[in-house]
Protein backbone atom coordinates (compact mmCIF):
# COMPACT_ATOMS: atom_id res chain seq x y z
CA MET A 1 208.80 119.65 84.00
CA ALA A 2 207.15 117.60 86.68
CA LYS A 3 205.67 114.31 85.69
CA THR A 4 201.83 114.16 86.07
CA ASP A 5 200.45 111.28 88.19
CA TRP A 6 197.48 110.50 85.95
CA LYS A 7 196.36 107.55 88.05
CA ALA A 8 196.21 109.57 91.24
CA GLU A 9 194.41 112.40 89.50
CA ALA A 10 191.84 110.04 87.98
CA LYS A 11 191.27 108.46 91.37
CA ALA A 12 190.71 111.87 92.92
CA LEU A 13 188.26 112.82 90.17
CA LYS A 14 186.30 109.59 90.70
CA LYS A 15 186.11 110.35 94.40
CA LYS A 16 184.81 113.89 93.71
CA LEU A 17 182.26 112.55 91.20
CA LYS A 18 181.00 110.04 93.73
CA ALA A 19 180.62 112.77 96.34
CA LEU A 20 178.83 114.99 93.79
CA LYS A 21 176.38 112.20 92.96
CA ALA A 22 175.65 111.68 96.63
CA THR A 23 175.04 115.40 97.08
CA VAL A 24 172.73 115.55 94.06
CA SER A 25 170.84 112.48 95.26
CA GLU A 26 170.37 113.96 98.71
CA THR A 27 169.13 117.22 97.19
CA VAL A 28 166.95 115.93 94.35
CA ALA A 29 165.40 112.85 95.95
CA PRO A 30 163.24 114.75 98.46
CA VAL A 31 162.11 117.13 95.71
CA ALA A 32 161.22 114.24 93.41
CA GLU A 33 159.39 112.52 96.24
CA ALA A 34 157.45 115.69 97.00
CA VAL A 35 156.60 116.12 93.33
CA GLN A 36 155.34 112.53 93.15
CA GLU A 37 153.22 113.04 96.26
CA LYS A 38 151.73 116.24 94.83
CA VAL A 39 150.97 114.57 91.51
CA ALA A 40 149.26 111.70 93.34
CA GLU A 41 147.28 114.17 95.45
CA MET A 42 146.17 116.13 92.38
CA ALA A 43 145.26 112.92 90.57
CA GLY A 44 143.12 111.92 93.54
CA GLU A 45 141.38 115.29 93.51
CA VAL A 46 140.72 114.99 89.77
CA VAL A 47 139.25 111.52 90.21
CA ALA A 48 137.08 112.70 93.13
CA ALA A 49 135.88 115.72 91.14
CA ALA A 50 135.11 113.51 88.15
CA LYS A 51 133.12 111.12 90.31
CA LYS A 52 131.16 113.99 91.79
CA ALA A 53 130.55 115.57 88.38
CA VAL A 54 129.22 112.34 86.90
CA LYS A 55 125.68 111.73 88.07
CA PRO A 56 124.73 108.22 87.01
CA VAL A 57 121.11 107.88 85.97
CA SER A 58 119.06 105.64 88.24
CA PRO A 59 118.89 102.05 86.95
CA LEU A 60 115.16 102.23 87.67
CA ALA A 61 114.61 105.24 85.40
CA PRO A 62 112.17 105.12 82.48
CA ALA A 63 113.77 104.67 79.06
CA SER A 64 113.01 108.28 78.10
CA PHE A 65 111.00 111.34 79.00
CA PRO A 66 107.40 110.73 77.86
CA VAL A 67 105.71 112.63 75.06
CA LEU A 68 103.38 114.99 76.92
CA PRO A 69 100.33 116.51 75.25
CA LEU A 70 100.15 120.23 74.73
CA ILE A 71 97.87 121.86 77.29
CA LYS A 72 96.04 124.74 75.68
CA GLY A 73 96.35 127.78 77.92
CA ALA A 74 99.60 126.64 79.59
CA GLU A 75 102.93 128.01 78.35
CA PHE A 76 106.38 127.10 79.67
CA ALA A 77 109.91 128.49 79.65
CA ALA A 78 113.17 127.66 81.40
CA ILE A 79 116.53 129.39 81.71
CA GLY A 80 119.84 129.29 83.57
CA ALA A 81 120.08 131.99 86.24
CA GLY A 82 123.05 130.62 88.19
CA VAL A 83 121.16 130.39 91.50
CA LYS A 84 123.53 127.56 92.45
CA TYR A 85 124.19 125.45 89.39
CA GLN A 86 126.25 126.62 86.45
CA ASN A 87 125.71 125.83 82.77
CA ARG A 88 122.21 124.44 83.23
CA ARG A 89 118.61 125.63 83.43
CA ASP A 90 117.57 126.29 87.02
CA VAL A 91 114.46 128.51 86.79
CA MET A 92 111.18 127.71 85.08
CA LEU A 93 108.09 129.81 84.43
CA VAL A 94 104.54 128.82 83.53
CA ARG A 95 101.87 131.23 82.30
CA LEU A 96 98.27 130.06 82.64
CA ALA A 97 95.35 131.45 80.71
CA PRO A 98 92.62 133.69 82.18
CA GLY A 99 89.98 131.61 83.93
CA THR A 100 92.46 128.95 85.14
CA ALA A 101 91.39 127.07 88.28
CA MET A 102 94.13 126.32 90.81
CA ALA A 103 94.34 123.71 93.57
CA GLY A 104 97.17 122.37 95.68
CA ALA A 105 98.56 120.48 98.62
CA PHE A 106 101.63 121.27 100.69
CA THR A 107 103.98 120.03 103.35
CA ARG A 108 102.70 120.29 106.91
CA SER A 109 106.22 120.87 108.19
CA THR A 110 106.31 123.51 110.91
CA THR A 111 109.45 124.89 109.24
CA ARG A 112 107.92 125.10 105.77
CA SER A 113 109.35 127.67 103.41
CA GLY A 114 108.15 131.16 102.60
CA CYS A 115 107.11 129.97 99.15
CA VAL A 116 104.83 127.32 100.65
CA ARG A 117 103.21 129.77 103.05
CA ASP A 118 102.73 132.26 100.23
CA CYS A 119 101.10 129.65 97.96
CA GLN A 120 98.78 128.52 100.74
CA ALA A 121 97.65 132.08 101.39
CA LYS A 122 97.04 132.76 97.71
CA LEU A 123 94.99 129.60 97.18
CA ALA A 124 92.81 130.58 100.14
CA ALA A 125 92.21 134.10 98.81
CA THR A 126 89.27 135.20 96.69
CA VAL A 127 90.11 134.89 92.99
CA PRO A 128 89.19 137.77 90.66
CA ALA A 129 86.82 136.67 87.89
CA GLY A 130 88.66 135.55 84.78
CA ALA A 131 92.08 135.79 86.42
CA GLY A 132 95.04 133.99 84.89
CA ALA A 133 97.91 132.58 86.94
CA ALA A 134 101.62 131.86 86.82
CA ILE A 135 104.07 129.49 88.49
CA VAL A 136 107.77 130.27 88.92
CA VAL A 137 110.21 127.71 90.33
CA ASN A 138 113.93 127.74 91.03
CA SER A 139 116.27 124.91 91.97
CA GLY A 140 119.50 125.09 93.99
CA ASN A 141 118.14 127.06 96.96
CA SER A 142 114.96 126.26 98.91
CA ASN A 143 114.57 129.73 100.49
CA ALA A 144 113.48 127.89 103.64
CA PHE A 145 114.20 129.04 107.20
CA THR A 146 115.41 132.37 105.88
CA GLY A 147 113.07 134.57 107.94
CA LYS A 148 111.82 137.92 106.72
CA VAL A 149 114.60 137.99 104.14
CA GLY A 150 113.05 134.89 102.58
CA ASP A 151 109.59 136.44 102.57
CA ALA A 152 110.98 139.50 100.83
CA ALA A 153 112.62 137.26 98.23
CA VAL A 154 109.28 135.58 97.49
CA ALA A 155 107.64 138.97 97.08
CA ALA A 156 110.43 140.17 94.79
CA VAL A 157 110.26 137.13 92.50
CA THR A 158 106.47 136.92 92.29
CA GLY A 159 106.28 140.68 91.84
CA ALA A 160 108.71 140.58 88.93
CA VAL A 161 106.70 137.82 87.26
CA ALA A 162 103.44 139.68 87.83
CA LYS A 163 104.87 142.78 86.20
CA ALA A 164 106.29 140.88 83.22
CA LEU A 165 103.04 138.98 82.60
CA ASP A 166 100.71 141.85 83.53
CA MET A 167 98.76 139.98 86.21
CA PRO A 168 98.14 140.41 89.95
CA ALA A 169 100.98 139.24 92.18
CA GLY A 170 98.32 137.36 94.14
CA ARG A 171 98.03 134.95 91.21
CA VAL A 172 101.74 134.18 90.92
CA PHE A 173 102.71 131.00 92.77
CA SER A 174 106.34 130.23 93.52
CA SER A 175 108.43 127.29 94.67
CA SER A 176 112.08 126.93 95.58
CA THR A 177 114.05 123.73 96.10
CA GLY A 178 117.59 123.08 97.25
CA VAL A 179 119.72 123.99 100.25
CA ILE A 180 117.88 125.07 103.43
CA GLY A 181 118.87 128.12 105.47
CA GLU A 182 120.66 130.14 102.81
CA PRO A 183 119.20 133.44 101.53
CA LEU A 184 117.83 133.15 98.01
CA PRO A 185 119.78 135.33 95.56
CA HIS A 186 116.45 136.51 94.15
CA GLU A 187 118.07 139.21 92.03
CA LYS A 188 119.48 136.45 89.82
CA ILE A 189 115.93 135.22 89.21
CA THR A 190 114.29 138.59 88.71
CA ALA A 191 117.03 139.46 86.20
CA VAL A 192 115.99 136.60 83.88
CA VAL A 193 112.21 136.99 84.22
CA PRO A 194 111.89 139.17 81.08
CA ALA A 195 113.78 136.56 79.05
CA LEU A 196 111.58 133.79 80.46
CA ALA A 197 108.42 135.72 79.60
CA ALA A 198 109.63 136.26 76.05
CA ASP A 199 110.35 132.55 75.57
CA LEU A 200 107.04 131.10 76.78
CA SER A 201 105.71 128.24 74.66
CA GLU A 202 103.13 125.46 75.01
CA ALA A 203 105.87 123.05 73.88
CA GLY A 204 108.35 123.90 76.65
CA ILE A 205 107.21 121.54 79.40
CA GLN A 206 110.20 119.16 79.21
CA MET A 207 112.63 122.07 79.69
CA ALA A 208 110.59 123.08 82.72
CA ALA A 209 110.89 119.56 84.15
CA GLU A 210 114.67 119.67 83.72
CA ALA A 211 115.01 123.10 85.33
CA ILE A 212 113.47 122.02 88.65
CA MET A 213 115.83 119.07 89.22
CA THR A 214 118.29 119.02 92.12
CA THR A 215 119.76 115.59 92.97
CA ASP A 216 117.33 114.02 90.49
CA THR A 217 119.02 111.89 87.85
CA PHE A 218 116.21 112.21 85.30
CA PRO A 219 113.33 114.61 84.59
CA LYS A 220 109.91 113.25 85.49
CA GLY A 221 106.75 113.53 83.42
CA ALA A 222 103.42 111.75 83.03
CA ALA A 223 100.28 112.24 80.97
CA ALA A 224 96.76 111.02 80.31
CA THR A 225 93.79 111.85 78.07
CA VAL A 226 90.07 111.50 78.66
CA GLN A 227 87.31 111.64 76.08
CA GLY A 228 84.89 114.30 77.23
CA GLU A 229 81.59 115.51 75.87
CA GLY A 230 82.54 117.48 72.79
CA GLY A 231 86.29 116.97 72.85
CA THR A 232 89.39 115.43 74.40
CA ILE A 233 90.63 116.45 77.85
CA HIS A 234 94.40 116.38 78.33
CA ILE A 235 96.49 116.03 81.50
CA ALA A 236 100.26 116.55 81.73
CA GLY A 237 102.40 116.63 84.85
CA ILE A 238 106.02 117.12 85.85
CA ALA A 239 107.78 116.53 89.15
CA LYS A 240 111.09 116.68 90.95
CA GLY A 241 112.14 114.57 93.87
CA SER A 242 114.93 112.19 94.80
CA GLY A 243 115.85 112.68 98.45
CA MET A 244 114.21 114.14 101.56
CA ILE A 245 111.10 112.21 100.55
CA ALA A 246 108.57 111.20 103.21
CA PRO A 247 104.80 111.55 103.07
CA ASP A 248 103.29 114.62 104.64
CA MET A 249 101.90 116.04 101.41
CA ALA A 250 103.37 116.74 99.17
CA THR A 251 106.59 114.81 99.15
CA MET A 252 108.21 116.66 96.26
CA LEU A 253 107.56 119.49 93.84
CA VAL A 254 104.77 118.55 91.43
CA TYR A 255 102.97 120.59 88.80
CA ILE A 256 100.02 119.10 86.93
CA PHE A 257 98.21 120.84 84.10
CA THR A 258 94.93 120.06 82.37
CA ASP A 259 92.65 121.81 79.92
CA ALA A 260 89.54 120.49 81.69
CA LYS A 261 86.70 122.80 82.64
CA VAL A 262 86.39 122.46 86.41
CA THR A 263 85.85 124.84 89.33
CA PRO A 264 88.63 125.49 91.85
CA ALA A 265 86.55 123.89 94.62
CA ALA A 266 85.91 120.73 92.61
CA LEU A 267 89.55 120.53 91.55
CA GLN A 268 90.69 120.83 95.16
CA LYS A 269 88.40 117.95 96.16
CA LEU A 270 89.95 115.78 93.45
CA VAL A 271 93.43 116.56 94.76
CA ASP A 272 92.45 115.91 98.37
CA ARG A 273 90.81 112.58 97.54
CA ASN A 274 93.78 111.20 95.62
CA VAL A 275 96.83 112.54 97.39
CA GLY A 276 96.80 109.90 100.14
CA ALA A 277 97.23 106.86 97.90
CA THR A 278 99.81 108.55 95.67
CA PHE A 279 102.20 111.22 96.94
CA ASN A 280 101.47 110.39 100.58
CA SER A 281 102.28 106.73 100.03
CA ILE A 282 105.92 107.03 99.06
CA THR A 283 109.09 107.35 101.11
CA VAL A 284 112.78 107.39 100.22
CA ASP A 285 114.43 108.31 103.50
CA SER A 286 111.65 109.22 105.97
CA ASP A 287 112.61 112.92 105.85
CA THR A 288 109.89 115.43 105.01
CA SER A 289 110.98 118.51 103.08
CA THR A 290 110.30 122.11 104.06
CA SER A 291 109.28 122.92 100.49
CA ASP A 292 106.90 120.15 99.38
CA THR A 293 104.34 121.50 96.93
CA LEU A 294 101.71 120.10 94.59
CA LEU A 295 99.93 122.56 92.32
CA VAL A 296 97.24 121.52 89.85
CA ALA A 297 96.07 123.98 87.20
CA ALA A 298 92.99 123.57 84.99
CA THR A 299 92.94 126.08 82.13
CA GLY A 300 89.43 125.21 80.93
CA GLN A 301 90.60 125.49 77.31
CA SER A 302 89.46 122.04 76.13
CA ALA A 303 86.57 121.87 73.68
CA ALA A 304 84.95 119.36 76.04
CA ALA A 305 82.03 120.34 78.26
CA PRO A 306 82.56 120.97 81.99
CA LEU A 307 83.24 117.82 84.01
CA LYS A 308 80.20 115.89 85.18
CA GLY A 309 78.84 112.37 85.49
CA THR A 310 80.86 109.52 83.99
CA VAL A 311 83.33 111.94 82.39
CA ALA A 312 84.10 113.44 85.80
CA LYS A 313 84.76 109.96 87.17
CA ALA A 314 86.99 109.08 84.22
CA PHE A 315 88.88 112.33 84.67
CA GLU A 316 89.47 111.62 88.36
CA THR A 317 90.80 108.16 87.51
CA ALA A 318 93.14 109.65 84.90
CA LEU A 319 94.32 112.39 87.25
CA ALA A 320 94.99 109.83 89.98
CA GLY A 321 96.95 107.78 87.46
CA VAL A 322 99.19 110.73 86.58
CA MET A 323 99.73 111.46 90.28
CA GLN A 324 100.63 107.83 90.93
CA ASP A 325 102.99 107.69 87.96
CA LEU A 326 104.88 110.79 89.11
CA ALA A 327 105.01 109.56 92.72
CA LEU A 328 106.56 106.24 91.70
CA GLN A 329 109.07 107.98 89.44
CA VAL A 330 110.31 109.83 92.51
CA VAL A 331 110.88 106.51 94.29
CA ARG A 332 112.62 105.11 91.21
CA ASP A 333 114.96 108.10 91.41
CA GLY A 334 115.54 107.79 95.15
CA GLU A 335 119.07 108.93 95.92
CA GLY A 336 121.35 105.98 95.23
CA ALA A 337 118.42 103.61 94.63
CA THR A 338 118.90 100.29 92.85
CA LYS A 339 115.69 98.57 93.97
CA MET A 340 112.02 99.57 93.97
CA VAL A 341 110.01 98.10 96.85
CA GLU A 342 106.24 97.92 97.27
CA VAL A 343 105.13 97.22 100.83
CA ARG A 344 101.65 95.69 101.08
CA VAL A 345 99.91 95.47 104.41
CA SER A 346 96.55 93.74 104.77
CA GLY A 347 94.44 92.31 107.56
CA ALA A 348 95.13 95.25 109.89
CA ALA A 349 92.71 96.17 112.66
CA SER A 350 92.44 99.79 111.41
CA ASP A 351 93.57 102.08 108.60
CA GLU A 352 95.88 103.80 111.08
CA ASP A 353 97.53 100.50 112.01
CA ALA A 354 97.91 99.54 108.34
CA ALA A 355 99.73 102.83 107.65
CA LYS A 356 101.90 102.55 110.76
CA LEU A 357 103.09 99.09 109.79
CA ALA A 358 103.61 99.84 106.09
CA PHE A 359 105.79 102.85 106.84
CA ALA A 360 107.65 101.08 109.66
CA ILE A 361 108.82 98.51 107.11
CA ALA A 362 109.37 101.00 104.27
CA ASN A 363 111.43 103.37 106.44
CA SER A 364 113.49 100.76 108.28
CA PRO A 365 117.20 101.28 107.50
CA LEU A 366 117.79 97.61 108.29
CA VAL A 367 115.13 96.44 105.84
CA LYS A 368 116.31 98.88 103.17
CA THR A 369 119.99 97.91 103.49
CA ALA A 370 119.09 94.21 103.39
CA VAL A 371 117.24 94.88 100.13
CA ALA A 372 120.30 96.74 98.79
CA GLY A 373 122.45 93.72 99.62
CA GLU A 374 119.88 91.31 98.14
CA ASP A 375 119.69 89.60 101.52
CA PRO A 376 116.30 87.95 102.28
CA ASN A 377 116.65 88.80 105.96
CA TRP A 378 112.99 88.50 106.91
CA GLY A 379 113.86 88.85 110.59
CA ARG A 380 114.26 92.58 109.96
CA ILE A 381 110.66 92.72 108.76
CA VAL A 382 109.59 90.94 111.96
CA ALA A 383 111.45 93.61 113.94
CA ALA A 384 109.78 96.41 111.98
CA ILE A 385 106.36 94.90 112.65
CA GLY A 386 107.10 94.79 116.36
CA LYS A 387 108.28 98.38 116.60
CA SER A 388 105.50 99.88 114.44
CA GLY A 389 102.96 100.37 117.21
CA ALA A 390 100.31 98.57 115.18
CA ALA A 391 98.33 95.76 116.78
CA ALA A 392 99.86 92.41 115.81
CA ASP A 393 99.61 88.77 116.87
CA ARG A 394 102.69 86.64 116.30
CA ASP A 395 100.69 83.51 115.54
CA ARG A 396 98.22 85.14 113.13
CA LEU A 397 100.44 87.21 110.86
CA SER A 398 102.16 86.07 107.67
CA ILE A 399 105.05 87.50 105.62
CA ARG A 400 105.65 87.09 101.89
CA PHE A 401 108.30 88.05 99.35
CA GLY A 402 106.16 88.39 96.25
CA ASP A 403 104.32 85.07 95.99
CA ILE A 404 106.77 83.29 98.31
CA LEU A 405 105.35 82.52 101.76
CA VAL A 406 108.21 83.27 104.15
CA ALA A 407 106.69 83.08 107.64
CA GLU A 408 103.36 82.16 109.25
CA LYS A 409 101.93 80.85 112.52
CA GLY A 410 104.67 82.42 114.57
CA TRP A 411 107.68 81.03 112.67
CA LYS A 412 109.31 80.38 109.31
CA ALA A 413 106.95 78.73 106.84
CA PRO A 414 107.71 74.98 106.42
CA GLY A 415 108.11 75.28 102.64
CA TYR A 416 110.31 78.38 102.64
CA SER A 417 113.93 78.12 101.51
CA GLU A 418 116.67 80.71 101.86
CA GLU A 419 117.69 80.01 98.26
CA ALA A 420 114.25 80.98 96.95
CA GLY A 421 114.28 84.17 99.00
CA ALA A 422 117.78 85.10 97.81
CA ALA A 423 116.83 84.51 94.17
CA TYR A 424 113.76 86.75 94.54
CA MET A 425 115.76 89.59 96.10
CA LYS A 426 117.89 89.89 92.96
CA GLN A 427 114.96 91.40 91.06
CA PRO A 428 114.94 95.20 90.55
CA GLU A 429 111.31 95.51 91.72
CA LEU A 430 110.15 93.73 94.86
CA VAL A 431 106.99 93.24 96.91
CA ILE A 432 107.08 92.72 100.67
CA ALA A 433 103.65 91.70 101.94
CA VAL A 434 102.41 91.34 105.50
CA ASP A 435 98.95 90.13 106.47
CA LEU A 436 98.14 90.68 110.13
CA GLY A 437 95.04 88.51 110.19
CA LEU A 438 93.22 90.92 112.51
CA GLY A 439 90.83 92.89 110.32
CA ARG A 440 90.15 94.27 106.83
CA ALA A 441 92.25 97.44 106.70
CA LYS A 442 95.08 97.60 104.17
CA ARG A 443 97.70 100.02 102.83
CA ARG A 444 100.26 100.08 100.03
CA VAL A 445 103.48 102.10 100.32
CA TRP A 446 106.44 102.39 97.95
CA THR A 447 110.08 102.84 98.87
CA CYS A 448 113.58 102.04 97.63
CA ASP A 449 116.71 100.48 99.00
CA LEU A 450 119.40 102.33 100.97
CA THR A 451 122.88 102.22 99.44
CA ALA A 452 126.29 103.78 100.03
CA ARG A 453 125.51 106.17 97.17
CA TYR A 454 122.82 107.82 99.31
CA ILE A 455 125.48 108.68 101.88
CA GLU A 456 127.85 110.02 99.20
CA ILE A 457 125.16 112.31 97.76
CA ASN A 458 124.09 113.74 101.09
CA ALA A 459 127.50 113.92 102.74
CA ASP A 460 128.65 116.59 100.29
CA TYR A 461 125.28 118.04 99.21
CA ARG A 462 126.36 121.64 99.87
CA SER A 463 129.86 121.37 98.40
C-alpha cells in the first residue's frame, strides 16, 4: 500500500482554502458594499421623510389656542375629506342663522381664484329678507387658475352645501387654499357635506380653525366682547396664513363672527375702515395669494340692541383688535420665522411715501436675512430707504433699533455701538424705526425674518 504524503496533502489543502477565501471575498465584498450603500440610502430617505413629517411649531406661537366665545347663530363642523392631506381635517363648514349680515374683502390679484370671484359676486347681489348663510372651506388645493373646471367645482361644492342646509346657493360662500393650478377634487368635498351638516355645533370653531391650515404650524383664533345696550356682544375670529403673505387684502383666509345686530352696509364699512391697518399691514414674503379672503358674519342673535353711538364705536375698536390679533398671528407663523419685526416709519412727506418705505424695509431679503442672523446691519436699511421710491433726505432721516439711535444726520450716530445693536437683535420681537424728518405721515408694518426653513418649506411644497 502506498504511503500517504500527509504534509504535501495538507499543503495542497491550505492552498485550495486560500484560493476559496479569495474567491468568496471577491464575490461577497461587492454585495456587502452594495447592501451597505442601500442601507445608508434608505436611512437617509427615512431621516428626510421624518424631517418633512415633523412640522415644528413657530417659536413665536401663542402658548395655546384661545378660548373663543360661542356665537349664537353660528355653527361649525370640520372633517377629513382627503383633498390632499391624509389623516387630518381639511374641510370646514359654518352655518349662519337667518338674518345674518355678511361683509368681506378679497385679494385684488388678477389671477384670483374662482372661489374669490364667486364670493365677490354673491356679496354684491341682493339678499333675500331673512336669509341665512354658510361658509365652506377646504385646504390642500386652492382651485385657482383652473378655468371653467374650477368654476364648476365651486358651483358643485356650494350647491351641495345649499342642498344639505336648505338655503339658496347664492348664500353659500366658499374658499379654497393650497396648491395653485390643480383641479379641485370637489367630489371628495361634496361626499362629506352630509356628515358635516349633521355635526354642526356652536362649539366647533377650533376644529374649523385647524381644518383650514396648510403650512401653518398652529391654528389661529382671537376674540373680544363688548357691553351693548341690553346685553353682551361677542366677536370670535379664526384665520390661516403662513406663507404667500403680502398686503393686497386680504392676505390670508380669515373668518370673523359676531352676534351683533348690524346691517350689511354698516358691517362692510367697518371692514373697509380697519383692513388697511391690520391685514394690509403685514407681509411675510411679499407674495400676494390668489385666494385671499376675509369674511365677516353678524348673526344679530345678541340680546343687545342694534349698534349705535358709543356702543358702535366700542364695537369697531373691538373688531379692529380681533383683526389686528389675527393679522399678527399670521406673521408670527411666517414660514420658518424666528423673529417678529415691526417697522415704524414716521416723518414721511405723504401716506403713500410712508407705506412705500415701510414695505421696502419689511420686504427686503437683505434686511430679513440680517434679522435672522441677528446681525445689526443697518446699512441694509439705508439701502432699502434709497430704493423705496419715497422722498428722503440723507441728512434729515434717523434710524433706530427699538430705543437705540443707530444713525442720524447722514451717518452713524456718535453714541451708537455695534455691541448694543447686536445685543438688541437677539430679542424675538424687534422694532426698526425710521423717521424721515420731512412731514407728518406715518405707517406701521409687521414682518418676520427670512430663514433657511422658508426655502425648505417652499422648495418641496407640492411633494
